[in-house]
Amino acid sequence: MPPYNGGSPITKYEILFQNLDGTSYDQILPYCNGSSLAVVTNSYCDVPFTVFRNGPLNYVYKTLIVAKVSATNIIGTGSSSEPNVKGVTIETEPVTPPVSPTVIAYSEFSI
C-alpha cells in the first residue's frame, strides 16, 4: 500500500539498504533509484542478489536484507519507515560457474 501522501502525489522515494555493519545505510543505484519514474509509479525496484554480495553492502551468507524507505512530494520528505525485521536472506554461497550464467535472480522490494 502506498504511503499517505497528504493529497499530493509522491515524486520520489529514498530507498536505503543496511550495510553489513548494521548501523549505516546506502542506496543501491541504479537498481533501486527512488527518483526513477518506474520506481515511483510501480512502488518497487528489482535488485540482483549479486549486488548485495558486493560493495558497498558486502552481505555474507544468512545476512537479512534490511531496507527502509522515505517518500517525497511537494509538501516535503516524510520520515523513514522502520527497517524491516523479516524478509529475504542471502541463502547461498557464491561459486564460480563453469560457464557464464544466462539468468540473474532478482529480488523485488515493495514500497
Protein backbone atom coordinates (compact mmCIF):
# COMPACT_ATOMS: atom_id res chain seq x y z
CA MET A 1 0.00 0.00 0.00
CA PRO A 2 1.47 3.38 -0.94
CA PRO A 3 2.23 5.76 1.93
CA TYR A 4 -0.21 8.54 2.83
CA ASN A 5 0.67 11.49 0.60
CA GLY A 6 -1.33 14.36 2.14
CA GLY A 7 -3.22 14.81 -1.12
CA SER A 8 -0.09 15.45 -3.19
CA PRO A 9 1.43 12.69 -5.37
CA ILE A 10 4.74 11.10 -4.41
CA THR A 11 7.53 12.46 -6.61
CA LYS A 12 10.40 10.27 -5.37
CA TYR A 13 11.46 7.74 -2.76
CA GLU A 14 14.71 7.34 -0.90
CA ILE A 15 15.34 3.61 -0.62
CA LEU A 16 18.19 2.66 1.70
CA PHE A 17 19.69 -0.75 2.42
CA GLN A 18 21.51 -1.54 5.65
CA ASN A 19 25.24 -2.17 5.39
CA LEU A 20 26.82 -5.27 6.89
CA ASP A 21 27.95 -3.18 9.89
CA GLY A 22 24.26 -2.97 10.89
CA THR A 23 24.34 0.76 11.58
CA SER A 24 24.71 2.60 8.27
CA TYR A 25 22.63 2.56 5.09
CA ASP A 26 23.37 3.03 1.38
CA GLN A 27 21.38 3.46 -1.80
CA ILE A 28 21.79 0.83 -4.50
CA LEU A 29 21.94 2.80 -7.70
CA PRO A 30 20.95 2.39 -10.46
CA TYR A 31 18.95 -0.70 -9.46
CA CYS A 32 16.80 0.94 -6.82
CA ASN A 33 16.70 4.60 -7.83
CA GLY A 34 13.76 6.17 -6.00
CA SER A 35 13.85 9.15 -8.37
CA SER A 36 13.07 6.87 -11.32
CA LEU A 37 9.56 7.30 -12.71
CA ALA A 38 9.23 3.49 -12.96
CA VAL A 39 10.04 3.04 -9.25
CA VAL A 40 7.71 5.87 -8.19
CA THR A 41 4.87 4.60 -10.40
CA ASN A 42 5.24 0.90 -9.56
CA SER A 43 6.38 1.28 -5.91
CA TYR A 44 9.10 -1.35 -6.24
CA CYS A 45 12.54 -1.98 -7.63
CA ASP A 46 14.50 -5.05 -8.69
CA VAL A 47 18.00 -5.63 -7.33
CA PRO A 48 20.13 -8.60 -8.43
CA PHE A 49 21.31 -10.67 -5.46
CA THR A 50 24.87 -10.31 -6.73
CA VAL A 51 24.64 -6.58 -5.97
CA PHE A 52 24.01 -7.37 -2.30
CA ARG A 53 27.04 -9.67 -2.23
CA ASN A 54 29.37 -6.89 -3.47
CA GLY A 55 30.22 -3.35 -2.32
CA PRO A 56 29.04 -1.23 -0.74
CA LEU A 57 26.92 -3.76 1.20
CA ASN A 58 29.11 -6.90 1.03
CA TYR A 59 26.45 -9.18 2.51
CA VAL A 60 27.51 -12.66 3.56
CA TYR A 61 25.65 -15.96 3.91
CA LYS A 62 22.50 -15.67 6.09
CA THR A 63 22.50 -11.83 6.06
CA LEU A 64 18.98 -10.39 6.24
CA ILE A 65 18.42 -7.79 3.53
CA VAL A 66 17.22 -4.79 5.57
CA ALA A 67 15.71 -1.72 3.92
CA LYS A 68 13.96 1.48 4.88
CA VAL A 69 12.12 3.99 2.70
CA SER A 70 11.04 7.63 2.83
CA ALA A 71 8.74 9.38 0.37
CA THR A 72 8.90 12.93 -1.02
CA ASN A 73 6.20 15.10 -2.57
CA ILE A 74 5.55 18.83 -2.95
CA ILE A 75 4.92 19.06 0.81
CA GLY A 76 8.35 17.64 1.67
CA THR A 77 10.04 14.39 2.66
CA GLY A 78 8.41 12.16 5.22
CA SER A 79 10.10 10.18 7.95
CA SER A 80 11.82 6.93 7.04
CA SER A 81 9.91 3.74 7.54
CA GLU A 82 11.06 1.39 10.26
CA PRO A 83 13.68 -1.04 8.92
CA ASN A 84 12.16 -4.40 8.06
CA VAL A 85 12.79 -7.23 10.56
CA LYS A 86 11.69 -10.09 8.29
CA GLY A 87 12.38 -10.75 4.68
CA VAL A 88 14.93 -12.15 2.29
CA THR A 89 18.28 -13.52 3.46
CA ILE A 90 21.35 -14.48 1.47
CA GLU A 91 20.94 -18.27 1.35
CA THR A 92 23.68 -19.45 -0.97
CA GLU A 93 27.39 -19.02 -1.17
CA PRO A 94 28.73 -17.81 -4.49
CA VAL A 95 30.62 -20.26 -6.63
CA THR A 96 32.40 -19.79 -9.91
CA PRO A 97 30.10 -21.23 -12.56
CA PRO A 98 31.65 -23.47 -15.20
CA VAL A 99 30.14 -21.18 -17.88
CA SER A 100 28.74 -17.69 -17.81
CA PRO A 101 25.26 -17.64 -16.29
CA THR A 102 22.40 -16.67 -18.57
CA VAL A 103 19.82 -15.92 -15.87
CA ILE A 104 20.16 -13.47 -12.99
CA ALA A 105 17.95 -13.85 -9.91
CA TYR A 106 16.22 -10.66 -8.79
CA SER A 107 14.54 -9.72 -5.56
CA GLU A 108 11.55 -7.40 -5.60
CA PHE A 109 11.06 -4.81 -2.88
CA SER A 110 7.64 -3.29 -2.42
CA ILE A 111 7.37 0.19 -1.11
